[in-house]
Amino acid sequence: MSDTRSEIVLLEERLRLAELGPDPKFFEEVLADEVVLVQDGEMFPKATVVQAHQPGGGPKFTRVEMRDTNIIDYGVAAVVTCRGIYEGPGTNVTLKLTRVWLKTRDRWQIIAAAVST
């Protein structure tokens, strides 16, 4: 397994755990300031994701599982595609996810992501 792939596998697991946390600090750090985020064709800002992961009001998700994960290694960039299963109080949804990771200044950040049902 390449270094890039190994690093992305670890980051993807940290992302999954941050969803369960919830852990807004992780999303603040890992999402690039100018990240392009799209859900079902609609763009939204980084702040929306960070805000959605604030603690309080009970757990957001009780189970987050990624399946069919594919990582395409471009050296200083990686594209991840997968299906995410999200379960929580009153929630049970499977989403199709694409994330683009870029390494700059020895730090990986998500520069683009798309989510669809």
N, C-alpha and C. Protein backbone atom coordinates (compact mmCIF):
# COMPACT_ATOMS: atom_id res chain seq x y z
N MET A 1 0.86 -1.18 0.00
CA MET A 1 0.00 0.00 0.00
C MET A 1 0.90 1.24 0.00
N SER A 2 0.59 2.20 -0.86
CA SER A 2 1.38 3.42 -0.95
C SER A 2 1.23 4.27 0.31
N ASP A 3 2.18 5.18 0.54
CA ASP A 3 2.09 6.09 1.68
C ASP A 3 0.83 6.93 1.60
N THR A 4 0.52 7.43 0.41
CA THR A 4 -0.68 8.25 0.23
C THR A 4 -1.91 7.46 0.61
N ARG A 5 -2.02 6.29 0.08
CA ARG A 5 -3.19 5.45 0.37
C ARG A 5 -3.31 5.16 1.87
N SER A 6 -2.19 4.82 2.51
CA SER A 6 -2.20 4.55 3.95
C SER A 6 -2.66 5.76 4.75
N GLU A 7 -2.17 6.92 4.37
CA GLU A 7 -2.54 8.15 5.07
C GLU A 7 -4.03 8.46 4.89
N ILE A 8 -4.53 8.26 3.68
CA ILE A 8 -5.95 8.54 3.41
C ILE A 8 -6.84 7.54 4.15
N VAL A 9 -6.45 6.28 4.20
CA VAL A 9 -7.23 5.29 4.96
C VAL A 9 -7.37 5.73 6.41
N LEU A 10 -6.28 6.19 7.01
CA LEU A 10 -6.32 6.66 8.40
C LEU A 10 -7.20 7.90 8.54
N LEU A 11 -7.08 8.84 7.61
CA LEU A 11 -7.90 10.06 7.67
C LEU A 11 -9.38 9.75 7.48
N GLU A 12 -9.68 8.84 6.59
CA GLU A 12 -11.08 8.46 6.38
C GLU A 12 -11.67 7.83 7.64
N GLU A 13 -10.88 7.06 8.36
CA GLU A 13 -11.36 6.48 9.62
C GLU A 13 -11.55 7.57 10.67
N ARG A 14 -10.63 8.52 10.73
CA ARG A 14 -10.80 9.66 11.65
C ARG A 14 -12.06 10.45 11.30
N LEU A 15 -12.33 10.61 10.03
CA LEU A 15 -13.54 11.31 9.59
C LEU A 15 -14.78 10.55 10.05
N ARG A 16 -14.78 9.24 9.90
CA ARG A 16 -15.91 8.42 10.33
C ARG A 16 -16.14 8.59 11.83
N LEU A 17 -15.07 8.55 12.60
CA LEU A 17 -15.19 8.72 14.06
C LEU A 17 -15.64 10.13 14.42
N ALA A 18 -15.22 11.12 13.65
CA ALA A 18 -15.65 12.51 13.90
C ALA A 18 -17.15 12.67 13.65
N GLU A 19 -17.69 11.90 12.71
CA GLU A 19 -19.14 11.91 12.48
C GLU A 19 -19.87 11.39 13.71
N LEU A 20 -19.31 10.38 14.36
CA LEU A 20 -19.93 9.79 15.54
C LEU A 20 -19.78 10.67 16.78
N GLY A 21 -18.70 11.46 16.83
CA GLY A 21 -18.36 12.25 18.01
C GLY A 21 -19.48 13.04 18.62
N PRO A 22 -20.07 14.00 18.00
CA PRO A 22 -19.50 14.66 16.82
C PRO A 22 -18.27 15.47 17.20
N ASP A 23 -17.43 15.77 16.22
CA ASP A 23 -16.17 16.46 16.47
C ASP A 23 -16.00 17.62 15.47
N PRO A 24 -16.55 18.79 15.80
CA PRO A 24 -16.46 19.92 14.87
C PRO A 24 -15.02 20.37 14.60
N LYS A 25 -14.14 20.20 15.58
CA LYS A 25 -12.75 20.62 15.40
C LYS A 25 -12.08 19.85 14.26
N PHE A 26 -12.38 18.56 14.16
CA PHE A 26 -11.81 17.76 13.08
C PHE A 26 -12.23 18.34 11.73
N PHE A 27 -13.51 18.65 11.58
CA PHE A 27 -14.01 19.18 10.30
C PHE A 27 -13.45 20.57 10.02
N GLU A 28 -13.27 21.37 11.05
CA GLU A 28 -12.67 22.70 10.88
C GLU A 28 -11.26 22.58 10.34
N GLU A 29 -10.51 21.59 10.82
CA GLU A 29 -9.12 21.41 10.40
C GLU A 29 -8.99 20.70 9.05
N VAL A 30 -9.82 19.70 8.80
CA VAL A 30 -9.61 18.87 7.62
C VAL A 30 -10.25 19.45 6.35
N LEU A 31 -11.28 20.27 6.51
CA LEU A 31 -11.88 20.90 5.34
C LEU A 31 -11.12 22.17 4.99
N ALA A 32 -10.65 22.27 3.77
CA ALA A 32 -9.96 23.48 3.32
C ALA A 32 -10.90 24.68 3.43
N ASP A 33 -10.35 25.85 3.66
CA ASP A 33 -11.20 27.04 3.80
C ASP A 33 -12.06 27.28 2.56
N GLU A 34 -11.54 26.99 1.40
CA GLU A 34 -12.27 27.21 0.15
C GLU A 34 -12.81 25.90 -0.43
N VAL A 35 -13.13 24.95 0.43
CA VAL A 35 -13.62 23.65 0.00
C VAL A 35 -14.91 23.80 -0.81
N VAL A 36 -15.04 22.98 -1.83
CA VAL A 36 -16.26 22.94 -2.64
C VAL A 36 -17.07 21.75 -2.15
N LEU A 37 -18.24 22.03 -1.56
CA LEU A 37 -19.11 21.00 -1.00
C LEU A 37 -20.44 21.02 -1.73
N VAL A 38 -20.87 19.84 -2.19
CA VAL A 38 -22.11 19.74 -2.95
C VAL A 38 -22.92 18.57 -2.40
N GLN A 39 -24.20 18.83 -2.13
CA GLN A 39 -25.11 17.76 -1.73
C GLN A 39 -26.33 17.81 -2.63
N ASP A 40 -26.57 16.71 -3.33
CA ASP A 40 -27.69 16.61 -4.27
C ASP A 40 -27.77 17.83 -5.19
N GLY A 41 -26.61 18.27 -5.67
CA GLY A 41 -26.54 19.36 -6.64
C GLY A 41 -26.50 20.75 -6.05
N GLU A 42 -26.67 20.89 -4.75
CA GLU A 42 -26.65 22.21 -4.10
C GLU A 42 -25.33 22.42 -3.37
N MET A 43 -24.71 23.58 -3.57
CA MET A 43 -23.47 23.91 -2.88
C MET A 43 -23.77 24.47 -1.50
N PHE A 44 -22.86 24.20 -0.56
CA PHE A 44 -22.99 24.74 0.78
C PHE A 44 -21.60 25.01 1.34
N PRO A 45 -21.49 25.94 2.33
CA PRO A 45 -20.18 26.33 2.84
C PRO A 45 -19.65 25.39 3.93
N LYS A 46 -18.36 25.47 4.16
CA LYS A 46 -17.68 24.72 5.20
C LYS A 46 -18.36 24.92 6.55
N ALA A 47 -18.76 26.15 6.84
CA ALA A 47 -19.37 26.47 8.13
C ALA A 47 -20.61 25.61 8.42
N THR A 48 -21.33 25.23 7.39
CA THR A 48 -22.51 24.39 7.55
C THR A 48 -22.13 23.03 8.12
N VAL A 49 -21.04 22.46 7.62
CA VAL A 49 -20.58 21.16 8.10
C VAL A 49 -20.08 21.27 9.54
N VAL A 50 -19.28 22.28 9.80
CA VAL A 50 -18.74 22.47 11.15
C VAL A 50 -19.89 22.66 12.14
N GLN A 51 -20.87 23.47 11.79
CA GLN A 51 -22.01 23.71 12.67
C GLN A 51 -22.83 22.45 12.89
N ALA A 52 -23.00 21.65 11.86
CA ALA A 52 -23.78 20.41 11.97
C ALA A 52 -23.14 19.40 12.91
N HIS A 53 -21.85 19.55 13.16
CA HIS A 53 -21.14 18.60 14.02
C HIS A 53 -20.86 19.15 15.41
N GLN A 54 -21.56 20.19 15.80
CA GLN A 54 -21.42 20.71 17.16
C GLN A 54 -22.07 19.73 18.13
N PRO A 55 -21.46 19.52 19.29
CA PRO A 55 -22.08 18.63 20.28
C PRO A 55 -23.33 19.27 20.88
N GLY A 56 -24.12 18.44 21.51
CA GLY A 56 -25.35 18.93 22.14
C GLY A 56 -26.56 18.38 21.43
N GLY A 57 -27.64 18.30 22.17
CA GLY A 57 -28.87 17.80 21.57
C GLY A 57 -28.86 16.31 21.32
N GLY A 58 -27.97 15.57 21.99
CA GLY A 58 -27.91 14.13 21.81
C GLY A 58 -27.04 13.75 20.63
N PRO A 59 -26.79 12.46 20.48
CA PRO A 59 -25.92 12.01 19.39
C PRO A 59 -26.55 12.26 18.02
N LYS A 60 -25.71 12.69 17.10
CA LYS A 60 -26.18 12.88 15.73
C LYS A 60 -26.35 11.53 15.05
N PHE A 61 -25.30 10.71 15.19
CA PHE A 61 -25.32 9.37 14.60
C PHE A 61 -24.87 8.37 15.66
N THR A 62 -25.48 7.21 15.65
CA THR A 62 -25.08 6.14 16.54
C THR A 62 -24.28 5.08 15.78
N ARG A 63 -24.36 5.14 14.45
CA ARG A 63 -23.60 4.22 13.60
C ARG A 63 -23.25 4.92 12.31
N VAL A 64 -21.98 4.85 11.94
CA VAL A 64 -21.51 5.35 10.64
C VAL A 64 -20.59 4.28 10.08
N GLU A 65 -20.93 3.80 8.90
CA GLU A 65 -20.15 2.74 8.28
C GLU A 65 -19.92 3.08 6.81
N MET A 66 -18.69 2.90 6.36
CA MET A 66 -18.36 3.13 4.96
C MET A 66 -18.20 1.79 4.26
N ARG A 67 -18.76 1.68 3.07
CA ARG A 67 -18.67 0.46 2.27
C ARG A 67 -18.21 0.81 0.86
N ASP A 68 -17.73 -0.21 0.18
CA ASP A 68 -17.32 -0.07 -1.23
C ASP A 68 -16.36 1.10 -1.43
N THR A 69 -15.45 1.28 -0.48
CA THR A 69 -14.50 2.39 -0.55
C THR A 69 -13.45 2.14 -1.62
N ASN A 70 -13.24 3.14 -2.46
CA ASN A 70 -12.21 3.11 -3.49
C ASN A 70 -11.37 4.37 -3.35
N ILE A 71 -10.05 4.18 -3.28
CA ILE A 71 -9.13 5.31 -3.17
C ILE A 71 -8.25 5.33 -4.41
N ILE A 72 -8.28 6.44 -5.13
CA ILE A 72 -7.41 6.62 -6.30
C ILE A 72 -6.29 7.56 -5.87
N ASP A 73 -5.06 7.07 -5.94
CA ASP A 73 -3.87 7.77 -5.45
C ASP A 73 -3.23 8.57 -6.57
N TYR A 74 -3.13 9.88 -6.38
CA TYR A 74 -2.45 10.75 -7.34
C TYR A 74 -1.19 11.36 -6.74
N GLY A 75 -0.66 10.76 -5.69
CA GLY A 75 0.55 11.27 -5.06
C GLY A 75 0.25 12.33 -4.03
N VAL A 76 0.07 13.57 -4.48
CA VAL A 76 -0.26 14.67 -3.56
C VAL A 76 -1.76 14.91 -3.50
N ALA A 77 -2.51 14.07 -4.17
CA ALA A 77 -3.97 14.15 -4.14
C ALA A 77 -4.53 12.73 -4.16
N ALA A 78 -5.76 12.62 -3.68
CA ALA A 78 -6.44 11.32 -3.70
C ALA A 78 -7.93 11.58 -3.84
N VAL A 79 -8.58 10.69 -4.58
CA VAL A 79 -10.03 10.74 -4.73
C VAL A 79 -10.60 9.50 -4.04
N VAL A 80 -11.56 9.73 -3.15
CA VAL A 80 -12.20 8.64 -2.41
C VAL A 80 -13.66 8.59 -2.82
N THR A 81 -14.11 7.40 -3.20
CA THR A 81 -15.54 7.18 -3.43
C THR A 81 -15.98 6.05 -2.51
N CYS A 82 -17.20 6.17 -2.00
CA CYS A 82 -17.72 5.13 -1.12
C CYS A 82 -19.22 5.34 -0.90
N ARG A 83 -19.80 4.39 -0.20
CA ARG A 83 -21.18 4.51 0.27
C ARG A 83 -21.11 4.62 1.78
N GLY A 84 -21.83 5.57 2.34
CA GLY A 84 -21.86 5.74 3.78
C GLY A 84 -23.22 5.41 4.33
N ILE A 85 -23.24 4.60 5.37
CA ILE A 85 -24.48 4.27 6.06
C ILE A 85 -24.50 5.06 7.35
N TYR A 86 -25.51 5.89 7.52
CA TYR A 86 -25.63 6.76 8.70
C TYR A 86 -26.92 6.42 9.43
N GLU A 87 -26.76 6.03 10.69
CA GLU A 87 -27.93 5.71 11.51
C GLU A 87 -27.88 6.54 12.78
N GLY A 88 -29.05 6.95 13.22
CA GLY A 88 -29.17 7.71 14.46
C GLY A 88 -30.62 7.77 14.84
N PRO A 89 -30.93 8.51 15.89
CA PRO A 89 -32.33 8.64 16.30
C PRO A 89 -33.18 9.19 15.15
N GLY A 90 -34.05 8.37 14.62
CA GLY A 90 -34.92 8.79 13.52
C GLY A 90 -34.24 8.90 12.18
N THR A 91 -32.99 8.43 12.06
CA THR A 91 -32.24 8.54 10.81
C THR A 91 -31.68 7.19 10.41
N ASN A 92 -31.86 6.84 9.16
CA ASN A 92 -31.25 5.66 8.58
C ASN A 92 -31.13 5.93 7.09
N VAL A 93 -29.95 6.34 6.66
CA VAL A 93 -29.77 6.75 5.28
C VAL A 93 -28.44 6.21 4.74
N THR A 94 -28.45 5.84 3.47
CA THR A 94 -27.23 5.45 2.77
C THR A 94 -26.94 6.52 1.73
N LEU A 95 -25.73 7.06 1.76
CA LEU A 95 -25.33 8.14 0.86
C LEU A 95 -24.17 7.69 -0.02
N LYS A 96 -24.12 8.25 -1.21
CA LYS A 96 -22.98 8.07 -2.11
C LYS A 96 -22.07 9.27 -1.88
N LEU A 97 -20.78 8.99 -1.64
CA LEU A 97 -19.84 10.04 -1.27
C LEU A 97 -18.63 10.06 -2.18
N THR A 98 -18.17 11.25 -2.50
CA THR A 98 -16.91 11.45 -3.21
C THR A 98 -16.16 12.56 -2.47
N ARG A 99 -14.89 12.31 -2.16
CA ARG A 99 -14.06 13.32 -1.51
C ARG A 99 -12.75 13.44 -2.27
N VAL A 100 -12.26 14.67 -2.41
CA VAL A 100 -10.96 14.92 -3.02
C VAL A 100 -10.05 15.48 -1.93
N TRP A 101 -8.99 14.74 -1.63
CA TRP A 101 -8.00 15.14 -0.64
C TRP A 101 -6.78 15.71 -1.36
N LEU A 102 -6.18 16.77 -0.81
CA LEU A 102 -4.97 17.37 -1.37
C LEU A 102 -3.98 17.58 -0.24
N LYS A 103 -2.72 17.22 -0.50
CA LYS A 103 -1.68 17.42 0.50
C LYS A 103 -0.86 18.65 0.13
N THR A 104 -0.92 19.63 1.03
CA THR A 104 -0.11 20.84 0.86
C THR A 104 0.55 21.14 2.20
N ARG A 105 1.81 21.53 2.14
CA ARG A 105 2.58 21.83 3.35
C ARG A 105 2.49 20.69 4.36
N ASP A 106 2.67 19.45 3.87
CA ASP A 106 2.65 18.24 4.70
C ASP A 106 1.36 18.04 5.47
N ARG A 107 0.26 18.53 4.92
CA ARG A 107 -1.04 18.40 5.58
C ARG A 107 -2.11 18.04 4.56
N TRP A 108 -2.90 17.02 4.86
CA TRP A 108 -3.99 16.61 3.99
C TRP A 108 -5.25 17.40 4.35
N GLN A 109 -5.94 17.89 3.33
CA GLN A 109 -7.24 18.54 3.52
C GLN A 109 -8.18 18.12 2.40
N ILE A 110 -9.46 18.15 2.72
CA ILE A 110 -10.48 17.89 1.71
C ILE A 110 -10.72 19.20 0.97
N ILE A 111 -10.55 19.18 -0.35
CA ILE A 111 -10.75 20.39 -1.14
C ILE A 111 -12.07 20.37 -1.90
N ALA A 112 -12.68 19.18 -2.00
CA ALA A 112 -13.98 19.05 -2.67
C ALA A 112 -14.66 17.77 -2.18
N ALA A 113 -15.98 17.84 -2.08
CA ALA A 113 -16.75 16.66 -1.67
C ALA A 113 -18.14 16.76 -2.26
N ALA A 114 -18.68 15.61 -2.61
CA ALA A 114 -20.05 15.55 -3.14
C ALA A 114 -20.78 14.42 -2.43
N VAL A 115 -22.02 14.69 -2.09
CA VAL A 115 -22.88 13.71 -1.41
C VAL A 115 -24.19 13.63 -2.17
N SER A 116 -24.67 12.41 -2.39
CA SER A 116 -25.97 12.24 -3.01
C SER A 116 -26.68 11.04 -2.40
N THR A 117 -28.00 11.07 -2.52
CA THR A 117 -28.80 9.97 -1.98
C THR A 117 -29.00 8.90 -3.02
